[in-house]
Amino acid sequence: MGKSMLMGLAGIFILLSFQFRSYMEPVIVMINIPLALIGVIWGHWLLGLDITMPSMLGFVSLAGIVVNDSILLVEFVKRRIAEGMSVHAAAARASHDRFRAVLLTSLTTIAGMTPLLFETSLQAQILIPLTVSIVFGIASSTLLVLFVVPCCYSILEDFGLANSRQHVSAE
């Protein structure tokens, strides 16, 4: 499973590199994956569950899910920079502008999976650790991504790695 996870992360990075035409922005997007792991660990701890193979499978699938919020924020930061805003202002504005969309997307996923989280049937017991990973991982990454992605952009700007005059294609 570890090799598959690394291959999946490499695939995500390659696809994002093509999309953003950059190597730094995919790193910013993928920072959300460890933030999801925080939620996975806390969720298992709060519910008194051990981290099992289905839990890890949930985390592997979660890696593909949680990058979506970061992609939205990065695209909006790039758009605001193209409009002439500074990187710091663009990062803060993107988080503000996309807050509702990011929150509602995550809440609908969490609401859809919550019934499985509290299922007591024997057949569902194998899926509960997987569901805990996804529900708590999405919850933590949603809250943290709204702060971390703008901060990462600002840090890159401080180090001179974020181009404040990026060109965004009109797609």
Protein backbone atom coordinates (compact mmCIF):
# COMPACT_ATOMS: atom_id res chain seq x y z
CA MET A 1 0.00 0.00 0.00
CA GLY A 2 2.93 2.34 0.68
CA LYS A 3 4.28 1.91 -2.85
CA SER A 4 0.83 2.50 -4.29
CA MET A 5 0.47 5.65 -2.20
CA LEU A 6 3.82 6.97 -3.45
CA MET A 7 2.85 6.20 -7.04
CA GLY A 8 -0.47 7.99 -6.51
CA LEU A 9 1.26 11.03 -5.01
CA ALA A 10 3.71 11.10 -7.91
CA GLY A 11 0.79 10.92 -10.34
CA ILE A 12 -1.00 13.76 -8.56
CA PHE A 13 2.19 15.86 -8.64
CA ILE A 14 2.76 15.23 -12.36
CA LEU A 15 -0.84 16.09 -13.27
CA LEU A 16 -0.77 19.24 -11.15
CA SER A 17 2.58 20.25 -12.67
CA PHE A 18 1.02 20.10 -16.11
CA GLN A 19 -2.05 22.00 -14.97
CA PHE A 20 -0.18 24.80 -13.18
CA ARG A 21 2.91 24.83 -15.42
CA SER A 22 4.95 25.06 -12.24
CA TYR A 23 6.69 22.82 -9.73
CA MET A 24 6.04 24.93 -6.62
CA GLU A 25 2.25 25.21 -6.87
CA PRO A 26 1.70 21.42 -6.86
CA VAL A 27 3.72 21.32 -3.64
CA ILE A 28 1.39 23.94 -2.14
CA VAL A 29 -1.62 21.88 -3.21
CA MET A 30 -0.17 18.65 -1.85
CA ILE A 31 0.57 20.19 1.55
CA ASN A 32 -3.10 19.51 2.25
CA ILE A 33 -2.47 15.74 2.35
CA PRO A 34 -0.53 15.72 5.64
CA LEU A 35 -3.16 18.08 7.06
CA ALA A 36 -5.72 15.37 6.33
CA LEU A 37 -3.55 12.85 8.19
CA ILE A 38 -3.94 15.00 11.30
CA GLY A 39 -7.69 14.47 11.09
CA VAL A 40 -7.31 10.75 10.45
CA ILE A 41 -5.23 10.30 13.60
CA TRP A 42 -7.49 12.50 15.74
CA GLY A 43 -10.63 10.79 14.43
CA HIS A 44 -9.38 7.34 15.29
CA TRP A 45 -8.24 8.53 18.70
CA LEU A 46 -11.56 10.27 19.49
CA LEU A 47 -13.62 7.23 18.52
CA GLY A 48 -11.25 4.79 20.21
CA LEU A 49 -10.38 2.91 17.02
CA ASP A 50 -7.06 1.44 15.99
CA ILE A 51 -5.54 2.51 12.69
CA THR A 52 -6.04 -0.58 10.53
CA MET A 53 -5.63 -1.51 6.89
CA PRO A 54 -9.09 -0.08 5.97
CA SER A 55 -8.05 3.13 7.78
CA MET A 56 -4.96 3.38 5.61
CA LEU A 57 -7.01 2.63 2.49
CA GLY A 58 -9.28 5.50 3.52
CA PHE A 59 -6.27 7.78 3.88
CA VAL A 60 -4.91 6.78 0.47
CA SER A 61 -8.25 7.60 -1.14
CA LEU A 62 -8.43 10.76 0.94
CA ALA A 63 -5.20 12.00 -0.62
CA GLY A 64 -6.97 12.33 -3.94
CA ILE A 65 -10.04 13.96 -2.43
CA VAL A 66 -8.46 16.70 -0.31
CA VAL A 67 -6.33 18.24 -3.03
CA ASN A 68 -9.48 19.62 -4.66
CA ASP A 69 -9.89 22.41 -2.10
CA SER A 70 -6.27 23.42 -2.52
CA ILE A 71 -6.58 23.47 -6.30
CA LEU A 72 -9.49 25.88 -6.00
CA LEU A 73 -7.53 28.20 -3.74
CA VAL A 74 -4.39 28.12 -5.88
CA GLU A 75 -6.40 28.92 -9.02
CA PHE A 76 -8.05 31.87 -7.28
CA VAL A 77 -4.70 33.15 -5.98
CA LYS A 78 -3.29 33.01 -9.50
CA ARG A 79 -6.34 34.84 -10.85
CA ARG A 80 -6.04 37.61 -8.27
CA ILE A 81 -2.32 37.98 -8.97
CA ALA A 82 -3.09 38.31 -12.68
CA GLU A 83 -5.55 41.08 -11.78
CA GLY A 84 -2.67 42.98 -10.20
CA MET A 85 -2.97 42.15 -6.52
CA SER A 86 0.09 41.42 -4.42
CA VAL A 87 0.68 37.78 -3.52
CA HIS A 88 -0.15 38.38 0.14
CA ALA A 89 -3.43 40.16 -0.67
CA ALA A 90 -4.33 37.63 -3.38
CA ALA A 91 -3.79 34.70 -1.03
CA ALA A 92 -5.95 36.23 1.69
CA ARG A 93 -8.65 37.23 -0.81
CA ALA A 94 -8.75 33.75 -2.38
CA SER A 95 -9.33 32.14 1.01
CA HIS A 96 -12.09 34.64 1.72
CA ASP A 97 -13.74 34.24 -1.70
CA ARG A 98 -13.72 30.44 -1.74
CA PHE A 99 -14.58 29.85 1.92
CA ARG A 100 -18.23 28.98 1.28
CA ALA A 101 -17.52 26.68 -1.68
CA VAL A 102 -14.77 24.81 0.16
CA LEU A 103 -16.84 24.47 3.31
CA LEU A 104 -20.03 23.33 1.57
CA THR A 105 -18.22 20.79 -0.60
CA SER A 106 -16.62 19.24 2.45
CA LEU A 107 -19.77 19.36 4.57
CA THR A 108 -21.81 17.54 1.94
CA THR A 109 -19.22 14.77 1.74
CA ILE A 110 -19.08 14.50 5.53
CA ALA A 111 -22.90 14.51 5.80
CA GLY A 112 -23.15 11.78 3.19
CA MET A 113 -20.70 9.52 5.02
CA THR A 114 -21.87 10.17 8.59
CA PRO A 115 -24.62 7.49 8.57
CA LEU A 116 -22.01 4.86 7.76
CA LEU A 117 -19.87 6.18 10.59
CA PHE A 118 -22.56 5.31 13.13
CA GLU A 119 -23.73 2.04 11.54
CA THR A 120 -23.75 -0.87 13.97
CA SER A 121 -24.25 -3.82 11.61
CA LEU A 122 -21.55 -6.45 11.37
CA GLN A 123 -21.09 -5.85 7.65
CA ALA A 124 -20.33 -2.16 8.20
CA GLN A 125 -17.69 -2.74 10.87
CA ILE A 126 -14.97 -3.21 8.24
CA LEU A 127 -15.90 0.11 6.60
CA ILE A 128 -16.07 2.23 9.75
CA PRO A 129 -12.27 2.81 10.01
CA LEU A 130 -12.22 3.76 6.31
CA THR A 131 -15.11 6.17 6.90
CA VAL A 132 -13.44 7.66 9.99
CA SER A 133 -10.34 8.36 7.91
CA ILE A 134 -12.30 10.11 5.19
CA VAL A 135 -14.71 12.07 7.42
CA PHE A 136 -12.18 13.35 9.94
CA GLY A 137 -9.48 13.82 7.29
CA ILE A 138 -11.75 16.00 5.17
CA ALA A 139 -12.88 17.94 8.24
CA SER A 140 -9.35 18.77 9.38
CA SER A 141 -8.00 19.50 5.93
CA THR A 142 -10.94 21.80 5.14
CA LEU A 143 -10.34 23.91 8.21
CA LEU A 144 -6.57 23.96 7.86
CA VAL A 145 -6.37 24.48 4.09
CA LEU A 146 -8.12 27.84 4.34
CA PHE A 147 -5.23 29.08 6.48
CA VAL A 148 -2.24 27.04 5.32
CA VAL A 149 -2.46 27.52 1.53
CA PRO A 150 -2.52 31.34 1.77
CA CYS A 151 0.31 31.21 4.30
CA CYS A 152 2.37 28.98 1.99
CA TYR A 153 1.91 31.45 -0.86
CA SER A 154 3.01 34.29 1.42
CA ILE A 155 6.05 32.33 2.59
CA LEU A 156 7.03 31.56 -0.99
CA GLU A 157 6.71 35.26 -1.82
CA ASP A 158 8.91 36.14 1.16
CA PHE A 159 11.57 33.73 -0.10
CA GLY A 160 11.21 35.08 -3.63
CA LEU A 161 9.89 31.79 -5.02
CA ALA A 162 6.38 32.98 -5.92
CA ASN A 163 6.22 35.02 -9.07
CA SER A 164 4.04 38.03 -8.38
CA ARG A 165 3.56 38.69 -12.11
CA GLN A 166 2.29 35.28 -13.16
CA HIS A 167 0.29 34.94 -16.35
CA VAL A 168 -2.98 33.06 -16.03
CA SER A 169 -4.51 31.71 -19.20
CA ALA A 170 -8.20 32.47 -19.76
CA GLU A 171 -9.72 29.03 -19.64
